[in-house]
Amino acid sequence: MRWRAVVDQETGEVIKALVADSSIDRFLCKEREYRINDQVRCEIKQARNVKFHRLVHALGRMVAEQVDKFQGLDAHTTIKKLQLDAGVCCSFEAFDIPDLGRVMRQVPESIAFDYMTEERFKEFWRGICQHLIEKYWPGLTEEAIEQMVGLMPGEREQ
């Protein structure tokens, strides 16, 4: 999001408002079905590397469009599924189930700005790309994937 000066249609007053900062951000808001006058709670924090974060969500969108296993999923769900499938930046939870014993479950870590450091985020990106190369796109490189995502319509910086 980005702070912008906008005119409040109800009062005519110029106010400061948070607006989607790019085409991918607008796409994500639309995909999540946010509407005018929806009330949401949020914690505002200064962004880290927004360009890289957008790149990951654009990758999720591209994978959902091009890989059969992910068709019909939104960008965020695709990324979480890839993260889990690749086992990158995941933790394990243990559960004690009566008559079965202890069961372990892998849980993908949040990639939100306030949960993941920049270095860990880069590790996440490399792991996702490596998984895609090994499983779906043999012959590609991390750089080639990044270029493909960067060439998607509407993903470039405004």
Protein backbone atom coordinates (compact mmCIF):
# COMPACT_ATOMS: atom_id res chain seq x y z
CA MET A 1 0.00 0.00 0.00
CA ARG A 2 1.06 3.60 -0.47
CA TRP A 3 -0.16 6.78 1.26
CA ARG A 4 -1.90 9.05 -1.27
CA ALA A 5 -3.81 12.29 -1.05
CA VAL A 6 -7.34 11.56 -2.26
CA VAL A 7 -10.65 13.40 -2.29
CA ASP A 8 -13.27 11.86 0.01
CA GLN A 9 -16.36 11.54 -2.20
CA GLU A 10 -18.70 12.03 0.77
CA THR A 11 -17.14 15.23 2.14
CA GLY A 12 -15.05 16.63 -0.73
CA GLU A 13 -12.15 16.86 1.73
CA VAL A 14 -8.62 15.92 0.69
CA ILE A 15 -7.50 13.11 3.00
CA LYS A 16 -4.58 10.73 3.32
CA ALA A 17 -5.55 7.18 2.30
CA LEU A 18 -3.77 3.89 1.74
CA VAL A 19 -4.15 2.65 -1.83
CA ALA A 20 -2.85 -0.43 -3.66
CA ASP A 21 0.64 0.45 -4.86
CA SER A 22 0.89 -1.60 -8.06
CA SER A 23 -1.07 -3.71 -10.50
CA ILE A 24 -0.26 -6.89 -8.57
CA ASP A 25 -1.43 -5.25 -5.33
CA ARG A 26 -4.68 -4.20 -7.02
CA PHE A 27 -5.04 -7.75 -8.38
CA LEU A 28 -4.53 -9.22 -4.88
CA CYS A 29 -7.15 -6.86 -3.40
CA LYS A 30 -9.60 -7.82 -6.14
CA GLU A 31 -8.78 -11.52 -5.74
CA ARG A 32 -9.51 -11.25 -2.01
CA GLU A 33 -12.78 -9.47 -2.85
CA TYR A 34 -12.17 -6.28 -0.85
CA ARG A 35 -14.92 -3.76 -1.56
CA ILE A 36 -15.38 -0.02 -1.04
CA ASN A 37 -16.43 0.63 2.59
CA ASP A 38 -15.26 -2.80 3.79
CA GLN A 39 -13.99 -2.40 7.32
CA VAL A 40 -10.64 -4.11 7.95
CA ARG A 41 -8.13 -4.21 10.79
CA CYS A 42 -4.51 -3.81 9.94
CA GLU A 43 -1.19 -3.02 11.50
CA ILE A 44 0.82 -0.52 9.49
CA LYS A 45 4.54 -1.18 9.15
CA GLN A 46 7.23 0.19 6.89
CA ALA A 47 7.75 -2.19 3.96
CA ARG A 48 11.01 -4.01 3.30
CA ASN A 49 11.75 -5.11 -0.27
CA VAL A 50 8.30 -4.66 -1.81
CA LYS A 51 9.48 -5.43 -5.34
CA PHE A 52 10.69 -8.90 -4.29
CA HIS A 53 7.49 -9.59 -2.33
CA ARG A 54 5.40 -8.68 -5.40
CA LEU A 55 7.60 -10.91 -7.55
CA VAL A 56 6.75 -13.91 -5.36
CA HIS A 57 3.00 -13.27 -5.63
CA ALA A 58 3.32 -12.77 -9.39
CA LEU A 59 5.12 -16.13 -9.50
CA GLY A 60 2.18 -17.69 -7.66
CA ARG A 61 -0.19 -16.26 -10.23
CA MET A 62 1.96 -17.49 -13.12
CA VAL A 63 2.25 -21.01 -11.65
CA ALA A 64 -1.52 -21.16 -11.07
CA GLU A 65 -2.05 -20.26 -14.74
CA GLN A 66 0.58 -22.61 -16.20
CA VAL A 67 0.83 -25.71 -13.97
CA ASP A 68 -2.22 -28.01 -13.99
CA LYS A 69 -1.80 -29.03 -10.33
CA PHE A 70 -2.34 -25.40 -9.24
CA GLN A 71 -5.07 -24.29 -11.66
CA GLY A 72 -8.01 -22.65 -9.93
CA LEU A 73 -5.92 -21.57 -6.93
CA ASP A 74 -5.25 -17.93 -6.10
CA ALA A 75 -1.67 -16.61 -6.04
CA HIS A 76 -1.30 -16.78 -2.27
CA THR A 77 -2.62 -20.35 -1.97
CA THR A 78 -0.35 -21.42 -4.83
CA ILE A 79 2.70 -19.96 -3.08
CA LYS A 80 1.80 -21.66 0.23
CA LYS A 81 1.29 -24.99 -1.54
CA LEU A 82 4.62 -24.63 -3.36
CA GLN A 83 6.31 -23.71 -0.09
CA LEU A 84 4.92 -26.82 1.60
CA ASP A 85 5.69 -29.10 -1.37
CA ALA A 86 9.27 -27.78 -1.49
CA GLY A 87 9.64 -27.92 2.30
CA VAL A 88 11.27 -24.50 2.19
CA CYS A 89 10.97 -22.18 5.20
CA CYS A 90 8.65 -24.58 7.01
CA SER A 91 8.50 -25.65 10.64
CA PHE A 92 7.17 -28.82 12.23
CA GLU A 93 4.36 -29.21 14.75
CA ALA A 94 3.85 -32.33 16.83
CA PHE A 95 0.42 -33.62 17.83
CA ASP A 96 -0.42 -36.43 20.21
CA ILE A 97 -3.40 -38.32 18.83
CA PRO A 98 -5.04 -40.97 21.00
CA ASP A 99 -4.51 -44.51 19.69
CA LEU A 100 -2.11 -43.23 17.00
CA GLY A 101 0.63 -41.58 19.01
CA ARG A 102 2.69 -38.57 18.04
CA VAL A 103 2.11 -37.17 14.56
CA MET A 104 4.31 -34.52 12.92
CA ARG A 105 2.97 -31.93 10.53
CA GLN A 106 4.93 -29.53 8.36
CA VAL A 107 3.68 -25.92 8.44
CA PRO A 108 4.80 -23.21 5.99
CA GLU A 109 6.16 -20.07 7.69
CA SER A 110 4.52 -16.74 6.99
CA ILE A 111 6.33 -14.67 4.37
CA ALA A 112 4.77 -11.45 5.70
CA PHE A 113 7.18 -8.58 6.20
CA ASP A 114 6.94 -8.68 9.97
CA TYR A 115 7.56 -12.44 10.22
CA MET A 116 10.36 -13.17 7.78
CA THR A 117 13.72 -11.43 7.45
CA GLU A 118 15.01 -10.34 4.07
CA GLU A 119 17.68 -13.09 4.11
CA ARG A 120 15.11 -15.76 4.96
CA PHE A 121 12.85 -14.39 2.22
CA LYS A 122 15.68 -14.81 -0.31
CA GLU A 123 16.16 -18.40 0.92
CA PHE A 124 12.43 -18.92 0.41
CA TRP A 125 12.61 -17.57 -3.18
CA ARG A 126 15.60 -19.78 -4.06
CA GLY A 127 13.88 -22.85 -2.58
CA ILE A 128 10.62 -22.26 -4.46
CA CYS A 129 12.47 -21.71 -7.74
CA GLN A 130 14.60 -24.84 -7.22
CA HIS A 131 11.45 -26.88 -6.54
CA LEU A 132 9.77 -25.54 -9.69
CA ILE A 133 12.89 -26.35 -11.73
CA GLU A 134 13.17 -29.89 -10.37
CA LYS A 135 9.47 -30.77 -10.56
CA TYR A 136 7.83 -28.70 -13.31
CA TRP A 137 10.28 -26.65 -15.37
CA PRO A 138 13.48 -28.66 -15.94
CA GLY A 139 16.07 -26.75 -17.89
CA LEU A 140 15.11 -23.36 -16.46
CA THR A 141 17.22 -21.40 -14.01
CA GLU A 142 16.22 -19.16 -11.10
CA GLU A 143 17.15 -16.17 -13.27
CA ALA A 144 14.96 -17.43 -16.14
CA ILE A 145 11.99 -17.82 -13.78
CA GLU A 146 12.54 -14.31 -12.44
CA GLN A 147 12.63 -12.96 -16.02
CA MET A 148 9.44 -14.85 -16.94
CA VAL A 149 7.62 -13.40 -13.93
CA GLY A 150 8.98 -9.92 -14.70
CA LEU A 151 7.59 -10.12 -18.22
CA MET A 152 4.03 -10.92 -17.11
CA PRO A 153 1.62 -8.19 -18.26
CA GLY A 154 0.88 -5.66 -15.55
CA GLU A 155 3.64 -6.80 -13.19
CA ARG A 156 6.17 -4.09 -13.98
CA GLU A 157 6.47 -1.05 -11.72
CA GLN A 158 4.12 1.78 -12.66
